[in-house]
Protein backbone atom coordinates (compact mmCIF):
# COMPACT_ATOMS: atom_id res chain seq x y z
CA UNK A 1 -105.71 -8.60 49.72
CA UNK A 2 -107.60 -7.66 46.67
CA UNK A 3 -104.81 -5.27 45.08
CA UNK A 4 -102.27 -8.18 44.58
CA UNK A 5 -104.79 -10.14 43.09
CA UNK A 6 -105.56 -7.23 40.64
CA UNK A 7 -101.95 -6.70 40.03
CA UNK A 8 -101.59 -10.62 39.42
CA UNK A 9 -104.33 -10.66 36.97
CA UNK A 10 -103.26 -7.47 35.26
CA UNK A 11 -99.69 -9.01 34.62
CA UNK A 12 -101.36 -12.16 33.39
CA UNK A 13 -103.56 -10.42 30.96
CA UNK A 14 -100.37 -8.56 29.72
CA UNK A 15 -98.45 -11.46 29.24
CA UNK A 16 -101.33 -13.35 27.46
CA UNK A 17 -101.72 -10.30 25.11
CA UNK A 18 -98.07 -10.07 24.34
CA UNK A 19 -97.98 -13.81 23.68
CA UNK A 20 -100.96 -13.45 21.41
CA UNK A 21 -99.07 -10.58 19.18
CA UNK A 22 -96.14 -13.19 18.77
CA UNK A 23 -98.66 -15.66 17.68
CA UNK A 24 -99.95 -14.05 14.54
CA UNK A 25 -97.45 -13.53 11.59
CA UNK A 26 -97.18 -13.23 7.78
CA UNK A 27 -94.80 -15.41 5.64
CA UNK A 28 -93.74 -14.49 2.42
CA UNK A 29 -92.26 -17.21 0.21
CA UNK A 30 -90.35 -18.00 -2.71
CA UNK A 31 -89.57 -21.43 -4.13
CA UNK A 32 -89.17 -24.00 -6.83
CA UNK A 33 -91.25 -27.15 -7.14
CA UNK A 34 -90.24 -30.54 -8.74
CA UNK A 35 -93.31 -31.98 -10.12
CA UNK A 36 -93.58 -35.63 -11.32
CA UNK A 37 -93.67 -36.27 -14.99
CA UNK A 38 -96.51 -38.90 -15.15
CA UNK A 39 -98.70 -36.58 -16.99
CA UNK A 40 -101.54 -37.91 -19.42
CA UNK A 41 -101.89 -36.02 -22.87
CA UNK A 42 -105.14 -37.49 -24.86
CA UNK A 43 -104.64 -36.71 -28.44
CA UNK A 44 -108.22 -37.19 -30.15
CA UNK A 45 -108.21 -37.05 -34.12
CA UNK A 46 -111.45 -37.84 -36.16
CA UNK A 47 -112.89 -39.63 -33.19
CA UNK A 48 -109.60 -41.85 -32.75
CA UNK A 49 -107.85 -41.37 -29.39
CA UNK A 50 -104.16 -41.78 -28.64
CA UNK A 51 -102.80 -41.59 -24.98
CA UNK A 52 -99.33 -40.36 -24.24
CA UNK A 53 -98.67 -41.67 -20.59
CA UNK A 54 -95.67 -40.52 -18.58
CA UNK A 55 -96.01 -37.64 -21.00
CA UNK A 56 -93.28 -35.24 -19.87
CA UNK A 57 -89.40 -35.45 -19.85
CA UNK A 58 -88.89 -32.01 -18.16
CA UNK A 59 -90.96 -30.48 -15.55
CA UNK A 60 -90.42 -27.41 -13.34
CA UNK A 61 -92.45 -24.70 -11.22
CA UNK A 62 -91.53 -21.57 -9.55
CA UNK A 63 -93.79 -19.95 -7.10
CA UNK A 64 -94.30 -16.94 -4.80
CA UNK A 65 -96.89 -16.93 -1.98
CA UNK A 66 -97.85 -14.78 1.02
CA UNK A 67 -99.43 -16.71 3.88
CA UNK A 68 -100.85 -15.40 7.22
CA UNK A 69 -100.49 -17.86 10.15
CA UNK A 70 -102.69 -17.37 13.40
CA UNK A 71 -100.91 -19.64 16.08
CA UNK A 72 -102.69 -19.09 19.53
CA UNK A 73 -101.01 -22.44 20.59
CA UNK A 74 -99.61 -25.70 19.43
CA UNK A 75 -102.21 -25.77 16.71
CA UNK A 76 -102.94 -22.92 14.46
CA UNK A 77 -104.09 -22.00 11.21
CA UNK A 78 -102.45 -21.04 7.82
CA UNK A 79 -104.26 -19.28 4.94
CA UNK A 80 -103.28 -17.14 1.99
CA UNK A 81 -102.46 -17.39 -1.84
CA UNK A 82 -99.79 -17.02 -4.49
CA UNK A 83 -98.78 -17.10 -7.98
CA UNK A 84 -96.99 -19.75 -10.06
CA UNK A 85 -95.41 -20.53 -13.43
CA UNK A 86 -94.98 -24.02 -14.53
CA UNK A 87 -92.99 -25.36 -17.68
CA UNK A 88 -93.41 -28.91 -18.98
CA UNK A 89 -91.73 -30.30 -22.01
CA UNK A 90 -91.58 -33.66 -24.23
CA UNK A 91 -88.95 -34.72 -26.58
CA UNK A 92 -89.59 -36.84 -29.62
CA UNK A 93 -90.12 -40.44 -28.82
CA UNK A 94 -90.85 -43.65 -30.91
CA UNK A 95 -94.11 -44.05 -29.06
CA UNK A 96 -95.74 -41.05 -30.72
CA UNK A 97 -98.78 -41.22 -32.97
CA UNK A 98 -99.70 -38.08 -34.89
CA UNK A 99 -102.18 -37.46 -37.53
CA UNK A 100 -103.49 -40.48 -39.91
CA UNK A 101 -101.14 -40.76 -42.78
CA UNK A 102 -97.99 -40.16 -40.80
CA UNK A 103 -97.66 -43.21 -38.62
CA UNK A 104 -94.56 -45.34 -39.69
CA UNK A 105 -91.22 -46.59 -38.80
CA UNK A 106 -89.68 -42.88 -39.11
CA UNK A 107 -92.32 -41.26 -36.66
CA UNK A 108 -90.75 -40.40 -33.54
CA UNK A 109 -93.64 -38.47 -32.05
CA UNK A 110 -94.34 -34.95 -31.62
CA UNK A 111 -92.40 -32.18 -29.65
CA UNK A 112 -94.75 -30.84 -26.90
CA UNK A 113 -94.49 -27.68 -24.81
CA UNK A 114 -96.87 -26.91 -21.85
CA UNK A 115 -96.75 -23.49 -19.90
CA UNK A 116 -99.00 -22.44 -17.16
CA UNK A 117 -99.50 -19.11 -15.55
CA UNK A 118 -101.67 -19.43 -12.44
CA UNK A 119 -102.87 -18.05 -9.14
CA UNK A 120 -104.07 -20.20 -6.24
CA UNK A 121 -105.28 -19.89 -2.66
CA UNK A 122 -104.52 -22.42 0.23
CA UNK A 123 -105.50 -22.89 3.88
CA UNK A 124 -104.83 -25.72 6.46
CA UNK A 125 -103.69 -26.62 9.97
CA UNK A 126 -100.26 -25.69 11.40
CA UNK A 127 -98.34 -27.62 14.11
CA UNK A 128 -95.88 -25.58 16.23
CA UNK A 129 -92.50 -27.53 16.65
CA UNK A 130 -91.12 -25.85 19.58
CA UNK A 131 -89.27 -22.57 19.18
CA UNK A 132 -87.53 -23.73 15.89
CA UNK A 133 -90.22 -24.50 13.30
CA UNK A 134 -93.81 -25.37 12.19
CA UNK A 135 -95.41 -28.24 10.32
CA UNK A 136 -98.28 -27.28 7.89
CA UNK A 137 -100.72 -29.31 5.95
CA UNK A 138 -102.14 -27.03 3.18
CA UNK A 139 -104.88 -27.58 0.75
CA UNK A 140 -104.87 -25.44 -2.39
CA UNK A 141 -106.99 -24.83 -5.48
CA UNK A 142 -105.84 -22.60 -8.61
CA UNK A 143 -106.97 -21.33 -11.78
CA UNK A 144 -104.93 -19.75 -14.68
CA UNK A 145 -104.10 -20.08 -18.39
CA UNK A 146 -102.17 -23.02 -20.11
CA UNK A 147 -100.53 -22.85 -23.27
CA UNK A 148 -99.93 -26.00 -25.09
CA UNK A 149 -97.75 -26.24 -28.04
CA UNK A 150 -96.99 -29.22 -30.51
CA UNK A 151 -94.76 -29.66 -33.31
CA UNK A 152 -94.94 -32.65 -35.64
CA UNK A 153 -93.26 -33.42 -39.06
CA UNK A 154 -92.09 -29.72 -38.99
CA UNK A 155 -95.31 -28.20 -38.25
CA UNK A 156 -96.27 -26.58 -35.08
CA UNK A 157 -99.47 -24.93 -33.64
CA UNK A 158 -100.19 -23.99 -30.14
CA UNK A 159 -103.42 -23.21 -27.87
CA UNK A 160 -104.11 -21.04 -24.73
CA UNK A 161 -107.13 -22.13 -22.80
CA UNK A 162 -108.29 -22.32 -18.97
CA UNK A 163 -106.29 -24.22 -16.44
CA UNK A 164 -107.55 -25.72 -13.46
CA UNK A 165 -105.76 -27.33 -10.48
CA UNK A 166 -106.06 -28.71 -6.82
CA UNK A 167 -103.62 -30.41 -4.51
CA UNK A 168 -102.10 -30.64 -1.06
CA UNK A 169 -98.81 -30.09 0.70
CA UNK A 170 -97.05 -31.20 3.91
CA UNK A 171 -94.55 -28.45 4.64
CA UNK A 172 -91.69 -28.22 7.14
CA UNK A 173 -90.62 -24.61 7.97
CA UNK A 174 -87.70 -23.83 10.09
CA UNK A 175 -87.78 -20.28 11.46
CA UNK A 176 -86.43 -18.36 14.30
CA UNK A 177 -89.24 -16.17 15.45
CA UNK A 178 -90.67 -13.22 13.37
CA UNK A 179 -88.85 -10.44 11.53
CA UNK A 180 -86.30 -13.28 10.32
CA UNK A 181 -85.63 -15.22 7.25
CA UNK A 182 -86.68 -19.00 7.13
CA UNK A 183 -86.16 -22.06 4.92
CA UNK A 184 -88.59 -25.11 4.20
CA UNK A 185 -89.42 -27.84 2.00
CA UNK A 186 -92.80 -29.72 1.28
CA UNK A 187 -94.14 -32.68 -0.28
CA UNK A 188 -97.61 -33.39 -1.87
CA UNK A 189 -99.59 -33.94 -4.90
CA UNK A 190 -100.94 -31.85 -7.78
CA UNK A 191 -104.06 -32.42 -9.84
CA UNK A 192 -104.70 -30.20 -12.96
CA UNK A 193 -106.46 -30.33 -16.28
CA UNK A 194 -106.62 -28.24 -19.31
CA UNK A 195 -108.43 -28.65 -22.78
CA UNK A 196 -107.15 -27.59 -26.21
CA UNK A 197 -108.58 -27.67 -29.56
CA UNK A 198 -106.30 -26.96 -32.56
CA UNK A 199 -105.48 -27.66 -36.17
CA UNK A 200 -102.47 -29.97 -37.06
CA UNK A 201 -101.41 -31.00 -40.33
CA UNK A 202 -104.74 -30.03 -41.53
CA UNK A 203 -106.88 -32.19 -38.97
CA UNK A 204 -109.03 -31.18 -35.92
CA UNK A 205 -107.09 -32.24 -33.18
CA UNK A 206 -108.33 -32.21 -29.56
CA UNK A 207 -105.92 -32.41 -26.62
CA UNK A 208 -107.00 -33.02 -22.93
CA UNK A 209 -104.03 -32.60 -20.56
CA UNK A 210 -104.08 -34.36 -17.10
CA UNK A 211 -101.34 -34.10 -14.56
CA UNK A 212 -101.77 -36.12 -11.36
CA UNK A 213 -98.57 -36.73 -9.60
CA UNK A 214 -96.44 -36.14 -6.46
CA UNK A 215 -94.31 -33.22 -6.12
CA UNK A 216 -91.42 -31.77 -3.86
CA UNK A 217 -90.58 -28.19 -3.22
CA UNK A 218 -88.01 -26.11 -1.75
CA UNK A 219 -88.34 -22.52 -0.64
CA UNK A 220 -87.31 -19.66 1.38
CA UNK A 221 -88.75 -16.41 2.79
CA UNK A 222 -89.23 -13.80 5.28
CA UNK A 223 -91.38 -13.93 8.52
CA UNK A 224 -92.92 -10.65 9.30
């Protein structure tokens, strides 16, 4: 009587062990993010501050991540990190300010460019959606270098300084098991900050750049 029970227990143990192997995997992802354009640039000149709201006309980000997923059941945990490059641009507009003495009817505002290289880490819960996909809620934090360049009245200057970022994303991944490619999409929010001090038209100017907005991403990858 004991022998069948022992055999059954061994078979059950082997089944559980095999299933456990299938529930731990690694994702490599590469994708493109569409950040919002509602950034704020605070320009301070000689104690006077001008705020550029909805600061950007063009925004975009490319990223690559490596994430490890531990999925013992319906619920699991995803953690990992990656690298990203972001590009934001602003064309001349009539609401521009610029240094004192240059404010007038012909002032169409400055040209601004903002480039970021950053690394980030992320973690959060994962929900298994049957055999065809997963749903993730990931919190992330990043640090890097931001280069802010501005051109006004034909004079250009730039500054590179530390960049800080945090955010969250809800991602849907469609995948057919391990050792296979997958596709995914996510929506979320990004909050970032950098500070830049420079000279423009002979004036000491400080720029504080805040980007607090929603984002959407598309990505592909391979699950190992």
